[in-house]
């Protein structure tokens, strides 16, 4: 298993996390997914049309209000190997299959 990278939060990232809300399920998801990102950030491809920006997408999960969402975490890799967290958002998914 790889060694976890350091996660560096931007002020905008912290602001966006606060806007997601503090539901227990969201806190658990973020803890798990940020750890996964710290381990495997280099496996996330660079976003189309970008030089450095990468977008990590979680698996969809059912939010407490009944909406299916997926969390997108925008980040870059720093020269020292740290993961620079830039932004985060919750995207509602269509529940139709």
C-alpha atoms as a PDB file:
ATOM      1  CA  UNK A   1       0.000   0.000   0.000  1.00  0.00           C
ATOM      2  CA  UNK A   2       1.378   3.447  -0.896  1.00  0.00           C
ATOM      3  CA  UNK A   3       2.251   6.004   1.768  1.00  0.00           C
ATOM      4  CA  UNK A   4      -0.502   8.646   2.120  1.00  0.00           C
ATOM      5  CA  UNK A   5       0.356  12.045   0.659  1.00  0.00           C
ATOM      6  CA  UNK A   6      -0.070  15.253   2.617  1.00  0.00           C
ATOM      7  CA  UNK A   7      -3.402  17.000   1.909  1.00  0.00           C
ATOM      8  CA  UNK A   8      -3.202  20.796   1.681  1.00  0.00           C
ATOM      9  CA  UNK A   9      -6.551  22.614   1.937  1.00  0.00           C
ATOM     10  CA  UNK A  10      -7.086  25.910   0.152  1.00  0.00           C
ATOM     11  CA  UNK A  11      -9.355  28.492   1.789  1.00  0.00           C
ATOM     12  CA  UNK A  12     -11.846  27.961  -1.036  1.00  0.00           C
ATOM     13  CA  UNK A  13     -11.864  24.204  -0.420  1.00  0.00           C
ATOM     14  CA  UNK A  14     -12.588  24.724   3.290  1.00  0.00           C
ATOM     15  CA  UNK A  15     -15.377  27.167   2.418  1.00  0.00           C
ATOM     16  CA  UNK A  16     -16.911  24.652   0.002  1.00  0.00           C
ATOM     17  CA  UNK A  17     -16.692  21.837   2.595  1.00  0.00           C
ATOM     18  CA  UNK A  18     -18.615  24.002   5.070  1.00  0.00           C
ATOM     19  CA  UNK A  19     -21.300  24.593   2.443  1.00  0.00           C
ATOM     20  CA  UNK A  20     -21.774  20.825   2.024  1.00  0.00           C
ATOM     21  CA  UNK A  21     -23.082  20.626   5.567  1.00  0.00           C
ATOM     22  CA  UNK A  22     -21.975  18.647   8.578  1.00  0.00           C
ATOM     23  CA  UNK A  23     -24.172  15.576   8.338  1.00  0.00           C
ATOM     24  CA  UNK A  24     -22.558  12.529   9.918  1.00  0.00           C
ATOM     25  CA  UNK A  25     -22.814  10.524   6.693  1.00  0.00           C
ATOM     26  CA  UNK A  26     -21.071  13.331   4.758  1.00  0.00           C
ATOM     27  CA  UNK A  27     -18.296  13.568   7.362  1.00  0.00           C
ATOM     28  CA  UNK A  28     -17.722   9.797   7.156  1.00  0.00           C
ATOM     29  CA  UNK A  29     -17.710   9.901   3.356  1.00  0.00           C
ATOM     30  CA  UNK A  30     -15.246  12.781   3.253  1.00  0.00           C
ATOM     31  CA  UNK A  31     -12.919  11.135   5.744  1.00  0.00           C
ATOM     32  CA  UNK A  32     -12.883   7.894   3.782  1.00  0.00           C
ATOM     33  CA  UNK A  33     -12.580   9.516   0.350  1.00  0.00           C
ATOM     34  CA  UNK A  34      -9.900  12.026   1.355  1.00  0.00           C
ATOM     35  CA  UNK A  35      -7.816   9.179   2.770  1.00  0.00           C
ATOM     36  CA  UNK A  36      -8.292   7.242  -0.474  1.00  0.00           C
ATOM     37  CA  UNK A  37      -7.276  10.354  -2.410  1.00  0.00           C
ATOM     38  CA  UNK A  38      -4.163  10.780  -0.230  1.00  0.00           C
ATOM     39  CA  UNK A  39      -3.151   7.234  -1.201  1.00  0.00           C
ATOM     40  CA  UNK A  40      -3.974   7.207  -4.906  1.00  0.00           C
ATOM     41  CA  UNK A  41      -4.052  10.839  -6.124  1.00  0.00           C
ATOM     42  CA  UNK A  42      -1.530  10.157  -8.855  1.00  0.00           C
ATOM     43  CA  UNK A  43      -3.908   7.616 -10.436  1.00  0.00           C
ATOM     44  CA  UNK A  44      -6.591  10.270 -11.059  1.00  0.00           C
ATOM     45  CA  UNK A  45      -6.097  11.593 -14.605  1.00  0.00           C
ATOM     46  CA  UNK A  46      -5.672  15.275 -15.407  1.00  0.00           C
ATOM     47  CA  UNK A  47      -9.004  16.835 -16.430  1.00  0.00           C
ATOM     48  CA  UNK A  48      -9.583  17.350 -20.156  1.00  0.00           C
ATOM     49  CA  UNK A  49      -8.270  20.699 -21.323  1.00  0.00           C
ATOM     50  CA  UNK A  50      -6.260  21.307 -18.125  1.00  0.00           C
ATOM     51  CA  UNK A  51      -2.554  21.199 -17.423  1.00  0.00           C
ATOM     52  CA  UNK A  52      -2.712  20.230 -13.745  1.00  0.00           C
ATOM     53  CA  UNK A  53      -6.277  20.058 -12.423  1.00  0.00           C
ATOM     54  CA  UNK A  54      -7.604  16.614 -11.527  1.00  0.00           C
ATOM     55  CA  UNK A  55     -11.158  15.708 -10.500  1.00  0.00           C
ATOM     56  CA  UNK A  56     -11.772  12.825  -8.130  1.00  0.00           C
ATOM     57  CA  UNK A  57     -15.360  11.543  -8.213  1.00  0.00           C
ATOM     58  CA  UNK A  58     -16.735   9.415  -5.392  1.00  0.00           C
ATOM     59  CA  UNK A  59     -19.140   6.578  -5.930  1.00  0.00           C
ATOM     60  CA  UNK A  60     -22.772   7.739  -5.720  1.00  0.00           C
ATOM     61  CA  UNK A  61     -24.375   7.520  -2.286  1.00  0.00           C
ATOM     62  CA  UNK A  62     -27.792   8.247  -0.824  1.00  0.00           C
ATOM     63  CA  UNK A  63     -27.838  11.476   1.173  1.00  0.00           C
ATOM     64  CA  UNK A  64     -29.986  11.761   4.313  1.00  0.00           C
ATOM     65  CA  UNK A  65     -32.574  13.812   2.391  1.00  0.00           C
ATOM     66  CA  UNK A  66     -33.071  10.937  -0.067  1.00  0.00           C
ATOM     67  CA  UNK A  67     -31.098  12.403  -2.986  1.00  0.00           C
ATOM     68  CA  UNK A  68     -28.431  10.348  -4.708  1.00  0.00           C
ATOM     69  CA  UNK A  69     -25.229  12.380  -4.905  1.00  0.00           C
ATOM     70  CA  UNK A  70     -21.630  12.044  -5.959  1.00  0.00           C
ATOM     71  CA  UNK A  71     -18.899  14.239  -4.462  1.00  0.00           C
ATOM     72  CA  UNK A  72     -16.355  15.777  -6.830  1.00  0.00           C
ATOM     73  CA  UNK A  73     -13.004  16.839  -5.365  1.00  0.00           C
ATOM     74  CA  UNK A  74     -10.863  19.154  -7.499  1.00  0.00           C
ATOM     75  CA  UNK A  75      -7.131  19.050  -6.781  1.00  0.00           C
ATOM     76  CA  UNK A  76      -3.611  19.406  -8.122  1.00  0.00           C
ATOM     77  CA  UNK A  77      -0.406  17.587  -7.267  1.00  0.00           C
ATOM     78  CA  UNK A  78       2.343  19.807  -5.889  1.00  0.00           C
ATOM     79  CA  UNK A  79       6.011  19.355  -6.764  1.00  0.00           C
ATOM     80  CA  UNK A  80       6.689  18.037  -3.244  1.00  0.00           C
ATOM     81  CA  UNK A  81       4.063  15.322  -3.777  1.00  0.00           C
ATOM     82  CA  UNK A  82       1.354  16.905  -1.629  1.00  0.00           C
ATOM     83  CA  UNK A  83      -2.266  16.972  -2.809  1.00  0.00           C
ATOM     84  CA  UNK A  84      -3.506  20.570  -3.064  1.00  0.00           C
ATOM     85  CA  UNK A  85      -7.282  20.439  -2.530  1.00  0.00           C
ATOM     86  CA  UNK A  86      -8.866  23.244  -4.552  1.00  0.00           C
ATOM     87  CA  UNK A  87     -12.645  22.765  -4.465  1.00  0.00           C
ATOM     88  CA  UNK A  88     -15.340  20.249  -3.572  1.00  0.00           C
ATOM     89  CA  UNK A  89     -18.978  19.952  -4.585  1.00  0.00           C
ATOM     90  CA  UNK A  90     -21.871  17.523  -4.310  1.00  0.00           C
ATOM     91  CA  UNK A  91     -23.506  16.679  -7.627  1.00  0.00           C
ATOM     92  CA  UNK A  92     -26.998  15.184  -7.593  1.00  0.00           C
ATOM     93  CA  UNK A  93     -27.225  12.044  -9.676  1.00  0.00           C
ATOM     94  CA  UNK A  94     -30.207  10.876 -11.689  1.00  0.00           C
ATOM     95  CA  UNK A  95     -31.774   7.911  -9.892  1.00  0.00           C
ATOM     96  CA  UNK A  96     -33.111   6.385 -13.120  1.00  0.00           C
ATOM     97  CA  UNK A  97     -31.228   3.389 -14.461  1.00  0.00           C
END
